[in-house]
Amino acid sequence: MRTGLLDRPGAAAAIVSLAEVPHADAVHPSSSAQSDETRLARARAFAEPLLSGRRFDTGEDALAHADGVAAILQGIGAGPGIRAAAWLVYASEYLNKPEEIIEQAFGADEASLVAHTRKLVQIQRSARDALADEADGEMRAEQVERVRKMLLAFSRDLRVVLLRLASRLQTLRYYAASKVPAPGVLAGESLHVFAPLANRLGIWQIKWEIEDHAFRFLHPQEYREIAGLLHEKRLEREQSVEAARQQLAHALAQAGLKADVHGRPKHLYSIWKKMRGKGLTIERIFDVQALRVIVPEVGDCYAALARVHDLWRPLPEEFDDYIARPKPNGYQSLHTVVLDEHGRSIEIQIRTA
């Protein structure tokens, strides 16, 4: 069955691991044998006096931003090298000879990562300033493509891209927490450039959060309406999906089926897109909660389907057998919608690896 690498669980971790393969010419200082925590503590201690009391043009405290970026990178499984750079990139703005000083303190590889990230930041800043000067302030297709190509030009070192994605997400979180609307140019760039890039890399948790924040700033009224219709907050929806995932995984195991079960709640931006694109009401969006079941063989797909329908009440009109009738692009899977014990709909996709 057609499934891409990024469809599979663990893709984000694989991308992060790939990004951290040491460069052949990396020069590590004698202190490289130190523990990860010591390395990170050194990077933060180095940056703290340089960043304390400083604010970005967004209004965000510089040290708080660097702390947030490091935390986001930790959340996607990034190692100490990239996380240390979260502090060093911003600290380098206030050094006379940043590459030389960082190389002496942290090694040539860290200095190179900081230099490349700074260069991309400067290019992005110039592009955004030029766009902000234009009358409409909207991101047109050619401008989106220009910024996207800029980011991809740096993708030979995926660490740079991961740092920029984490930084953008942290900036959006700051605007959301401070209740200050993000500039339209920044929100548009986030939605049309950064979110697709996170999607391309398979880093779903960054993708959906960037999308939801950007949606909130670009379409505040629609955002509030959909948030109100869902009744549950994001954390509650995530907890509901995880409970359903565990329940189904246990039921399949009891039936003797070897299966990987994964779940995710649909996020506000994707709900809005589906409602608008298909002219649906929120009641007709059945994949607000969704589970994916991966089994070894085609026969196991149908056995798993039977167990799903034993566990929860199916909606027969929402069943699709794309194994018997594959989509034109070759996609094969079973799709069903069920109602859980609370009457909430769950879309379940079942397919082989």
Protein backbone atom coordinates (compact mmCIF):
# COMPACT_ATOMS: atom_id res chain seq x y z
CA MET A 1 0.00 0.00 0.00
CA ARG A 2 1.19 3.50 -0.71
CA THR A 3 2.57 5.10 2.43
CA GLY A 4 5.37 7.63 2.49
CA LEU A 5 8.13 7.90 5.08
CA LEU A 6 6.49 10.91 6.67
CA ASP A 7 3.20 9.04 7.08
CA ARG A 8 4.88 6.77 9.57
CA PRO A 9 5.17 7.32 13.31
CA GLY A 10 8.60 8.43 14.44
CA ALA A 11 9.28 10.40 11.26
CA ALA A 12 10.03 13.55 13.23
CA ALA A 13 12.54 11.69 15.39
CA ALA A 14 14.16 10.27 12.25
CA ILE A 15 14.49 13.74 10.73
CA VAL A 16 15.99 15.11 13.94
CA SER A 17 18.45 12.22 14.12
CA LEU A 18 19.45 12.80 10.50
CA ALA A 19 19.96 16.48 11.22
CA GLU A 20 22.38 15.66 14.01
CA VAL A 21 24.73 13.36 12.08
CA PRO A 22 28.14 14.92 12.84
CA HIS A 23 29.79 16.79 9.99
CA ALA A 24 32.98 15.21 8.72
CA ASP A 25 34.97 18.38 9.43
CA ALA A 26 33.46 18.98 12.86
CA VAL A 27 36.02 20.04 15.43
CA HIS A 28 34.99 19.28 18.97
CA PRO A 29 36.62 21.00 21.92
CA SER A 30 38.32 18.98 24.62
CA SER A 31 35.24 19.41 26.78
CA SER A 32 33.04 17.52 24.30
CA ALA A 33 32.94 14.50 26.61
CA GLN A 34 30.97 16.52 29.13
CA SER A 35 27.41 15.50 29.93
CA ASP A 36 24.59 16.85 27.82
CA GLU A 37 23.21 18.80 30.76
CA THR A 38 26.56 20.43 31.41
CA ARG A 39 26.87 21.38 27.75
CA LEU A 40 23.45 22.98 27.75
CA ALA A 41 24.07 24.73 31.04
CA ARG A 42 27.31 26.18 29.65
CA ALA A 43 25.53 27.48 26.54
CA ARG A 44 22.81 29.15 28.58
CA ALA A 45 25.29 30.59 31.07
CA PHE A 46 27.30 31.97 28.15
CA ALA A 47 24.20 33.61 26.64
CA GLU A 48 22.51 34.89 29.79
CA PRO A 49 24.62 38.02 30.44
CA LEU A 50 24.47 38.92 26.74
CA LEU A 51 20.69 38.54 26.47
CA SER A 52 19.46 39.66 29.89
CA GLY A 53 17.33 42.78 29.68
CA ARG A 54 17.21 42.74 25.88
CA ARG A 55 14.01 42.53 23.87
CA PHE A 56 13.34 41.67 20.26
CA ASP A 57 11.36 44.00 18.01
CA THR A 58 8.34 41.76 18.76
CA GLY A 59 8.58 42.85 22.41
CA GLU A 60 9.60 39.39 23.58
CA ASP A 61 12.40 39.03 26.11
CA ALA A 62 15.45 37.67 24.24
CA LEU A 63 16.51 35.17 26.90
CA ALA A 64 12.93 33.91 27.32
CA HIS A 65 12.75 33.40 23.54
CA ALA A 66 15.97 31.38 23.52
CA ASP A 67 14.71 29.30 26.47
CA GLY A 68 11.47 28.65 24.59
CA VAL A 69 13.28 27.60 21.40
CA ALA A 70 15.46 25.17 23.36
CA ALA A 71 12.36 23.68 25.02
CA ILE A 72 10.59 23.22 21.67
CA LEU A 73 13.65 21.48 20.24
CA GLN A 74 13.80 19.22 23.28
CA GLY A 75 10.14 18.38 22.71
CA ILE A 76 10.85 17.01 19.22
CA GLY A 77 13.82 14.98 20.41
CA ALA A 78 16.66 17.27 19.33
CA GLY A 79 20.04 16.65 20.88
CA PRO A 80 22.24 18.98 22.91
CA GLY A 81 24.08 20.44 19.91
CA ILE A 82 20.99 21.99 18.32
CA ARG A 83 19.50 22.96 21.67
CA ALA A 84 22.69 24.73 22.73
CA ALA A 85 22.57 26.71 19.49
CA ALA A 86 19.18 28.07 20.57
CA TRP A 87 21.05 30.29 23.04
CA LEU A 88 24.24 30.82 21.07
CA VAL A 89 22.52 32.12 17.91
CA TYR A 90 20.94 35.02 19.79
CA ALA A 91 23.95 35.66 22.01
CA SER A 92 26.15 35.93 18.92
CA GLU A 93 24.32 39.11 17.91
CA TYR A 94 26.13 40.89 20.75
CA LEU A 95 29.65 39.57 20.14
CA ASN A 96 32.34 41.38 18.15
CA LYS A 97 33.76 38.20 16.62
CA PRO A 98 30.99 35.65 17.14
CA GLU A 99 32.31 32.76 15.05
CA GLU A 100 35.78 32.97 16.56
CA ILE A 101 34.54 33.23 20.14
CA ILE A 102 31.94 30.46 19.81
CA GLU A 103 34.44 28.17 18.09
CA GLN A 104 36.90 28.62 20.94
CA ALA A 105 34.23 27.99 23.57
CA PHE A 106 32.03 25.34 21.92
CA GLY A 107 33.81 23.99 18.84
CA ALA A 108 33.88 24.59 15.09
CA ASP A 109 30.68 22.66 14.36
CA GLU A 110 28.64 24.73 16.80
CA ALA A 111 30.19 27.93 15.42
CA SER A 112 29.29 26.92 11.86
CA LEU A 113 25.71 26.14 12.85
CA VAL A 114 25.36 29.51 14.56
CA ALA A 115 26.86 31.35 11.57
CA HIS A 116 24.54 29.69 9.04
CA THR A 117 21.49 30.28 11.21
CA ARG A 118 22.38 33.95 11.69
CA LYS A 119 22.79 34.36 7.94
CA LEU A 120 19.34 32.91 7.29
CA VAL A 121 17.81 35.12 10.00
CA GLN A 122 19.32 38.22 8.38
CA ILE A 123 18.05 37.25 4.91
CA GLN A 124 14.55 36.54 6.26
CA ARG A 125 14.49 39.81 8.16
CA SER A 126 15.41 41.79 5.04
CA ALA A 127 12.76 40.00 2.98
CA ARG A 128 10.09 40.63 5.62
CA ASP A 129 11.02 44.31 5.97
CA ALA A 130 10.74 44.75 2.21
CA LEU A 131 7.35 43.06 2.20
CA ALA A 132 6.10 45.15 5.12
CA ASP A 133 6.87 48.30 3.12
CA GLU A 134 4.49 47.25 0.36
CA ALA A 135 1.01 48.73 0.32
CA ASP A 136 -1.08 45.60 0.68
CA GLY A 137 1.05 43.83 3.31
CA GLU A 138 -0.14 40.47 2.00
CA MET A 139 2.07 37.59 1.01
CA ARG A 140 1.65 36.96 -2.69
CA ALA A 141 2.48 33.65 -4.32
CA GLU A 142 5.83 34.77 -5.70
CA GLN A 143 6.87 36.15 -2.31
CA VAL A 144 5.88 32.94 -0.57
CA GLU A 145 7.92 30.98 -3.08
CA ARG A 146 10.93 33.25 -2.63
CA VAL A 147 10.99 32.77 1.14
CA ARG A 148 10.40 29.04 0.78
CA LYS A 149 13.36 28.73 -1.58
CA MET A 150 15.50 30.65 0.88
CA LEU A 151 14.73 28.16 3.61
CA LEU A 152 15.25 25.17 1.34
CA ALA A 153 18.61 26.56 0.25
CA PHE A 154 19.72 26.10 3.84
CA SER A 155 18.16 22.65 4.16
CA ARG A 156 21.47 20.93 3.44
CA ASP A 157 22.03 21.51 7.14
CA LEU A 158 18.69 20.49 8.60
CA ARG A 159 19.73 21.82 11.99
CA VAL A 160 19.40 25.37 10.65
CA VAL A 161 15.86 24.65 9.46
CA LEU A 162 14.89 23.06 12.78
CA LEU A 163 16.18 26.11 14.65
CA ARG A 164 14.17 28.46 12.44
CA LEU A 165 10.99 26.39 12.78
CA ALA A 166 11.33 26.33 16.57
CA SER A 167 12.06 30.05 16.67
CA ARG A 168 8.99 30.89 14.60
CA LEU A 169 6.77 28.71 16.77
CA GLN A 170 8.12 30.39 19.90
CA THR A 171 7.42 33.84 18.41
CA LEU A 172 3.82 32.82 17.69
CA ARG A 173 3.45 31.43 21.21
CA TYR A 174 4.68 34.75 22.58
CA TYR A 175 2.08 36.72 20.62
CA ALA A 176 -0.66 34.30 21.68
CA ALA A 177 0.31 34.50 25.36
CA SER A 178 0.65 38.29 25.34
CA LYS A 179 -2.76 38.72 23.66
CA VAL A 180 -1.12 40.97 21.07
CA PRO A 181 -2.08 40.26 17.43
CA ALA A 182 0.88 39.09 15.36
CA PRO A 183 1.65 41.22 12.27
CA GLY A 184 -0.18 39.94 9.19
CA VAL A 185 3.05 39.47 7.25
CA LEU A 186 4.55 37.31 10.00
CA ALA A 187 1.36 35.26 10.42
CA GLY A 188 1.03 34.78 6.66
CA GLU A 189 4.66 33.73 6.31
CA SER A 190 4.15 31.29 9.18
CA LEU A 191 1.11 29.69 7.54
CA HIS A 192 2.33 29.59 3.95
CA VAL A 193 6.06 28.94 4.42
CA PHE A 194 6.93 27.57 7.85
CA ALA A 195 3.98 25.21 8.36
CA PRO A 196 4.43 23.52 4.93
CA LEU A 197 8.14 23.15 5.67
CA ALA A 198 7.39 21.45 8.99
CA ASN A 199 4.91 19.24 7.13
CA ARG A 200 7.55 18.37 4.53
CA LEU A 201 9.90 17.28 7.30
CA GLY A 202 7.18 15.31 9.09
CA ILE A 203 7.35 17.38 12.28
CA TRP A 204 3.61 17.36 12.82
CA GLN A 205 3.49 18.89 16.28
CA ILE A 206 5.25 22.03 15.02
CA LYS A 207 3.19 22.09 11.82
CA TRP A 208 -0.23 22.04 13.49
CA GLU A 209 0.70 24.51 16.20
CA ILE A 210 2.09 27.01 13.70
CA GLU A 211 -1.08 26.59 11.60
CA ASP A 212 -3.42 27.12 14.54
CA HIS A 213 -1.59 30.20 15.80
CA ALA A 214 -1.40 31.71 12.31
CA PHE A 215 -5.10 30.96 11.75
CA ARG A 216 -5.91 32.68 15.03
CA PHE A 217 -4.14 35.88 13.94
CA LEU A 218 -5.22 35.89 10.29
CA HIS A 219 -8.87 34.92 10.85
CA PRO A 220 -9.67 35.73 14.51
CA GLN A 221 -13.45 35.61 14.17
CA GLU A 222 -13.49 32.21 12.44
CA TYR A 223 -10.96 30.91 14.96
CA ARG A 224 -13.18 31.88 17.90
CA GLU A 225 -16.28 30.42 16.24
CA ILE A 226 -14.70 27.02 15.63
CA ALA A 227 -13.08 26.93 19.07
CA GLY A 228 -16.53 27.59 20.55
CA LEU A 229 -18.17 24.88 18.46
CA LEU A 230 -15.69 22.23 19.56
CA HIS A 231 -16.59 22.72 23.24
CA GLU A 232 -13.44 20.85 24.32
CA LYS A 233 -10.08 22.55 24.59
CA ARG A 234 -7.07 21.13 22.73
CA LEU A 235 -5.68 19.34 25.79
CA GLU A 236 -9.05 17.72 26.47
CA ARG A 237 -9.28 16.56 22.85
CA GLU A 238 -5.77 15.12 23.03
CA GLN A 239 -6.68 13.25 26.21
CA SER A 240 -9.86 11.88 24.59
CA VAL A 241 -7.93 10.63 21.58
CA GLU A 242 -5.28 9.01 23.76
CA ALA A 243 -7.94 7.23 25.82
CA ALA A 244 -9.58 5.91 22.63
CA ARG A 245 -6.19 4.87 21.25
CA GLN A 246 -5.38 2.85 24.35
CA GLN A 247 -8.84 1.27 24.38
CA LEU A 248 -8.55 0.15 20.76
CA ALA A 249 -4.96 -1.06 21.10
CA HIS A 250 -6.00 -3.22 24.07
CA ALA A 251 -9.02 -4.63 22.19
CA LEU A 252 -6.92 -5.55 19.14
CA ALA A 253 -4.26 -7.19 21.30
CA GLN A 254 -6.94 -9.24 23.08
CA ALA A 255 -8.16 -10.38 19.66
CA GLY A 256 -4.65 -11.59 18.84
CA LEU A 257 -4.01 -8.91 16.24
CA LYS A 258 -0.58 -7.33 15.96
CA ALA A 259 -1.26 -3.64 15.34
CA ASP A 260 0.22 -0.21 15.86
CA VAL A 261 -2.46 2.30 16.84
CA HIS A 262 -1.82 6.02 16.61
CA GLY A 263 -4.14 8.94 17.26
CA ARG A 264 -4.43 12.67 16.84
CA PRO A 265 -7.12 15.29 17.29
CA LYS A 266 -7.86 17.40 14.25
CA HIS A 267 -6.71 20.95 14.84
CA LEU A 268 -8.63 24.17 14.35
CA TYR A 269 -7.04 25.27 11.09
CA SER A 270 -7.55 21.90 9.40
CA ILE A 271 -11.17 21.80 10.62
CA TRP A 272 -11.79 25.28 9.18
CA LYS A 273 -10.18 24.32 5.87
CA LYS A 274 -12.35 21.22 5.58
CA MET A 275 -15.54 23.08 6.53
CA ARG A 276 -14.82 25.83 4.03
CA GLY A 277 -13.55 23.57 1.25
CA LYS A 278 -16.43 21.08 1.41
CA GLY A 279 -19.19 23.34 2.69
CA LEU A 280 -19.68 21.24 5.83
CA THR A 281 -20.96 22.09 9.29
CA ILE A 282 -18.95 21.06 12.34
CA GLU A 283 -21.38 18.16 12.91
CA ARG A 284 -20.29 16.67 9.57
CA ILE A 285 -16.58 16.77 10.38
CA PHE A 286 -16.13 13.22 11.59
CA ASP A 287 -12.35 13.25 11.93
CA VAL A 288 -12.12 15.85 14.69
CA GLN A 289 -10.76 12.79 16.49
CA ALA A 290 -8.94 10.22 14.38
CA LEU A 291 -7.08 6.95 14.88
CA ARG A 292 -4.80 5.13 12.47
CA VAL A 293 -4.28 1.37 12.72
CA ILE A 294 -1.27 -0.24 11.00
CA VAL A 295 -1.33 -4.04 10.60
CA PRO A 296 0.97 -6.53 8.82
CA GLU A 297 -1.40 -8.07 6.24
CA VAL A 298 -4.47 -7.10 4.21
CA GLY A 299 -6.53 -9.78 5.96
CA ASP A 300 -5.65 -8.19 9.27
CA CYS A 301 -7.24 -4.94 8.07
CA TYR A 302 -10.66 -6.56 7.88
CA ALA A 303 -10.16 -8.42 11.17
CA ALA A 304 -9.25 -5.12 12.84
CA LEU A 305 -12.29 -3.46 11.26
CA ALA A 306 -14.57 -6.11 12.75
CA ARG A 307 -13.06 -5.53 16.18
CA VAL A 308 -13.50 -1.75 15.83
CA HIS A 309 -17.18 -2.22 14.98
CA ASP A 310 -17.61 -4.54 17.97
CA LEU A 311 -16.07 -1.94 20.25
CA TRP A 312 -17.96 1.15 19.04
CA ARG A 313 -21.12 1.87 17.05
CA PRO A 314 -20.31 2.36 13.35
CA LEU A 315 -21.95 4.84 10.99
CA PRO A 316 -22.47 2.62 7.90
CA GLU A 317 -22.87 5.55 5.50
CA GLU A 318 -19.35 6.76 6.41
CA PHE A 319 -17.55 3.49 5.58
CA ASP A 320 -15.17 3.37 2.60
CA ASP A 321 -13.22 0.34 1.39
CA TYR A 322 -10.23 1.74 -0.49
CA ILE A 323 -8.61 -1.70 -0.45
CA ALA A 324 -11.26 -3.24 -2.69
CA ARG A 325 -11.54 0.05 -4.64
CA PRO A 326 -8.19 1.89 -4.42
CA LYS A 327 -8.04 5.61 -5.10
CA PRO A 328 -6.62 6.67 -8.49
CA ASN A 329 -3.26 7.44 -6.86
CA GLY A 330 -3.00 3.87 -5.55
CA TYR A 331 -3.98 4.69 -1.96
CA GLN A 332 -5.43 1.67 -0.13
CA SER A 333 -7.02 1.73 3.31
CA LEU A 334 -10.24 1.07 5.19
CA HIS A 335 -12.01 4.17 6.50
CA THR A 336 -14.77 3.98 9.06
CA VAL A 337 -16.47 6.40 11.43
CA VAL A 338 -17.74 5.23 14.81
CA LEU A 339 -19.42 6.82 17.81
CA ASP A 340 -17.76 6.25 21.17
CA GLU A 341 -19.59 5.71 24.45
CA HIS A 342 -20.03 9.49 24.81
CA GLY A 343 -21.51 9.88 21.32
CA ARG A 344 -18.37 11.52 19.90
CA SER A 345 -17.36 10.58 16.38
CA ILE A 346 -13.97 9.01 15.67
CA GLU A 347 -12.63 8.43 12.18
CA ILE A 348 -10.49 5.29 11.97
CA GLN A 349 -8.17 4.39 9.10
CA ILE A 350 -6.85 0.84 8.88
CA ARG A 351 -4.05 -0.18 6.52
CA THR A 352 -0.88 -2.19 6.17
CA ALA A 353 2.58 -0.75 6.75
